[in-house]
Amino acid sequence: MELNEVAPPSKKHERMVKHIKKSYKKDGELTDDEKSIAYATAWKDYNKDKVSEGVMDIVRKYSKKKEEKKPQKATDAGARARRKLQRREYKDKVSSIVPSELEDQKSWVDFRKHFHI
């Protein structure tokens, strides 16, 4: 199978192909694969200014960003007791609606919502 490969349309790239072929010829006969490598290298250099981003760059650009994991609240007995006291104090002094920072991770109300009895 004979392929007629052509160098990019510039003198610089024609010289590049010539020099690559010359360096491969030092080992002996020039193979078809080595010719293909020479032309591919020249075309890659010719197109590097035209193609600004590759496929993976586009995928990364439009892929969904991963949310950062937030640290979980301490669940040991001391931390739970401390939050319980803070909730009680908040209800007495500020409001009956407790902010989410003072609530425990799971409450019985949230737990019951998931069961349909």
Protein backbone atom coordinates (compact mmCIF):
# COMPACT_ATOMS: atom_id res chain seq x y z
CA MET A 1 0.00 0.00 0.00
CA GLU A 2 1.54 3.25 -1.13
CA LEU A 3 0.69 6.47 0.69
CA ASN A 4 1.66 9.82 -0.77
CA GLU A 5 2.15 12.00 2.28
CA VAL A 6 2.68 15.71 1.89
CA ALA A 7 4.51 18.08 4.20
CA PRO A 8 2.67 21.14 5.53
CA PRO A 9 2.72 24.10 3.12
CA SER A 10 5.74 25.92 4.50
CA LYS A 11 9.46 25.78 3.87
CA LYS A 12 10.16 25.35 7.55
CA HIS A 13 8.10 22.18 7.75
CA GLU A 14 9.52 20.77 4.53
CA ARG A 15 12.98 21.18 6.06
CA MET A 16 11.73 19.55 9.25
CA VAL A 17 10.54 16.47 7.35
CA LYS A 18 13.83 16.33 5.45
CA HIS A 19 15.90 16.44 8.65
CA ILE A 20 13.76 13.85 10.44
CA LYS A 21 14.04 11.48 7.47
CA LYS A 22 17.79 12.07 7.38
CA SER A 23 18.16 11.19 11.07
CA TYR A 24 16.18 7.96 10.58
CA LYS A 25 18.25 7.03 7.50
CA LYS A 26 21.43 6.86 9.60
CA ASP A 27 20.26 3.47 10.92
CA GLY A 28 19.85 2.09 7.40
CA GLU A 29 16.82 2.01 5.13
CA LEU A 30 13.92 4.41 5.78
CA THR A 31 10.71 2.50 6.61
CA ASP A 32 7.14 3.59 5.91
CA ASP A 33 6.51 4.04 9.64
CA GLU A 34 9.49 6.35 9.94
CA LYS A 35 8.26 8.42 6.98
CA SER A 36 4.82 8.64 8.59
CA ILE A 37 6.39 9.78 11.84
CA ALA A 38 8.29 12.53 10.03
CA TYR A 39 5.16 13.86 8.33
CA ALA A 40 3.03 13.54 11.45
CA THR A 41 5.61 15.47 13.47
CA ALA A 42 5.68 18.25 10.87
CA TRP A 43 1.86 18.47 10.74
CA LYS A 44 1.63 18.49 14.52
CA ASP A 45 4.04 21.43 14.68
CA TYR A 46 2.16 23.19 11.85
CA ASN A 47 -1.23 22.82 13.61
CA LYS A 48 -0.12 23.58 17.17
CA ASP A 49 -1.03 27.27 16.85
CA LYS A 50 -4.41 26.54 15.27
CA VAL A 51 -5.67 24.04 17.86
CA SER A 52 -5.72 25.81 21.18
CA GLU A 53 -7.43 23.18 23.30
CA GLY A 54 -7.66 19.44 23.13
CA VAL A 55 -10.63 17.20 23.79
CA MET A 56 -9.74 16.65 27.45
CA ASP A 57 -9.39 20.41 28.00
CA ILE A 58 -12.94 20.90 26.72
CA VAL A 59 -14.24 18.04 28.87
CA ARG A 60 -12.59 19.50 31.99
CA LYS A 61 -13.93 22.95 31.15
CA TYR A 62 -17.56 21.87 30.96
CA SER A 63 -17.58 19.03 33.49
CA LYS A 64 -19.46 19.51 36.71
CA LYS A 65 -17.33 20.70 39.58
CA LYS A 66 -17.11 18.40 42.57
CA GLU A 67 -18.40 19.86 45.76
CA GLU A 68 -15.90 20.05 48.56
CA LYS A 69 -16.66 17.85 51.51
CA LYS A 70 -17.64 19.75 54.59
CA PRO A 71 -16.35 18.58 57.96
CA GLN A 72 -18.93 16.66 59.95
CA LYS A 73 -19.97 17.65 63.41
CA ALA A 74 -18.41 15.86 66.35
CA THR A 75 -20.69 13.03 67.45
CA ASP A 76 -19.11 12.07 70.75
CA ALA A 77 -21.22 12.33 73.92
CA GLY A 78 -19.56 15.56 75.10
CA ALA A 79 -20.20 17.36 71.81
CA ARG A 80 -23.84 16.24 71.71
CA ALA A 81 -24.37 17.37 75.30
CA ARG A 82 -22.73 20.74 74.56
CA ARG A 83 -25.02 21.29 71.54
CA LYS A 84 -28.04 20.31 73.64
CA LEU A 85 -27.16 22.97 76.23
CA GLN A 86 -26.54 25.53 73.48
CA ARG A 87 -29.95 24.76 71.93
CA ARG A 88 -31.67 25.13 75.31
CA GLU A 89 -29.91 28.45 75.97
CA TYR A 90 -30.71 29.71 72.45
CA LYS A 91 -34.41 28.86 72.85
CA ASP A 92 -34.57 30.65 76.22
CA LYS A 93 -32.72 33.82 75.20
CA VAL A 94 -33.18 34.31 71.45
CA SER A 95 -35.88 32.38 69.61
CA SER A 96 -37.76 29.12 69.56
CA ILE A 97 -36.41 28.46 66.05
CA VAL A 98 -32.98 26.88 66.48
CA PRO A 99 -30.32 27.43 63.76
CA SER A 100 -29.00 24.41 61.91
CA GLU A 101 -25.50 24.81 63.43
CA LEU A 102 -26.87 23.91 66.85
CA GLU A 103 -28.95 20.97 65.66
CA ASP A 104 -27.60 17.44 65.72
CA GLN A 105 -26.95 15.65 62.46
CA LYS A 106 -30.09 13.54 62.73
CA SER A 107 -33.22 14.25 64.64
CA TRP A 108 -36.24 12.08 65.27
CA VAL A 109 -38.41 14.37 63.10
CA ASP A 110 -36.06 13.92 60.12
CA PHE A 111 -35.88 10.21 60.78
CA ARG A 112 -39.68 9.86 60.81
CA LYS A 113 -40.01 11.69 57.47
CA HIS A 114 -38.31 8.80 55.68
CA PHE A 115 -40.76 6.16 56.96
CA HIS A 116 -44.26 5.93 55.56
CA ILE A 117 -46.34 4.17 58.19
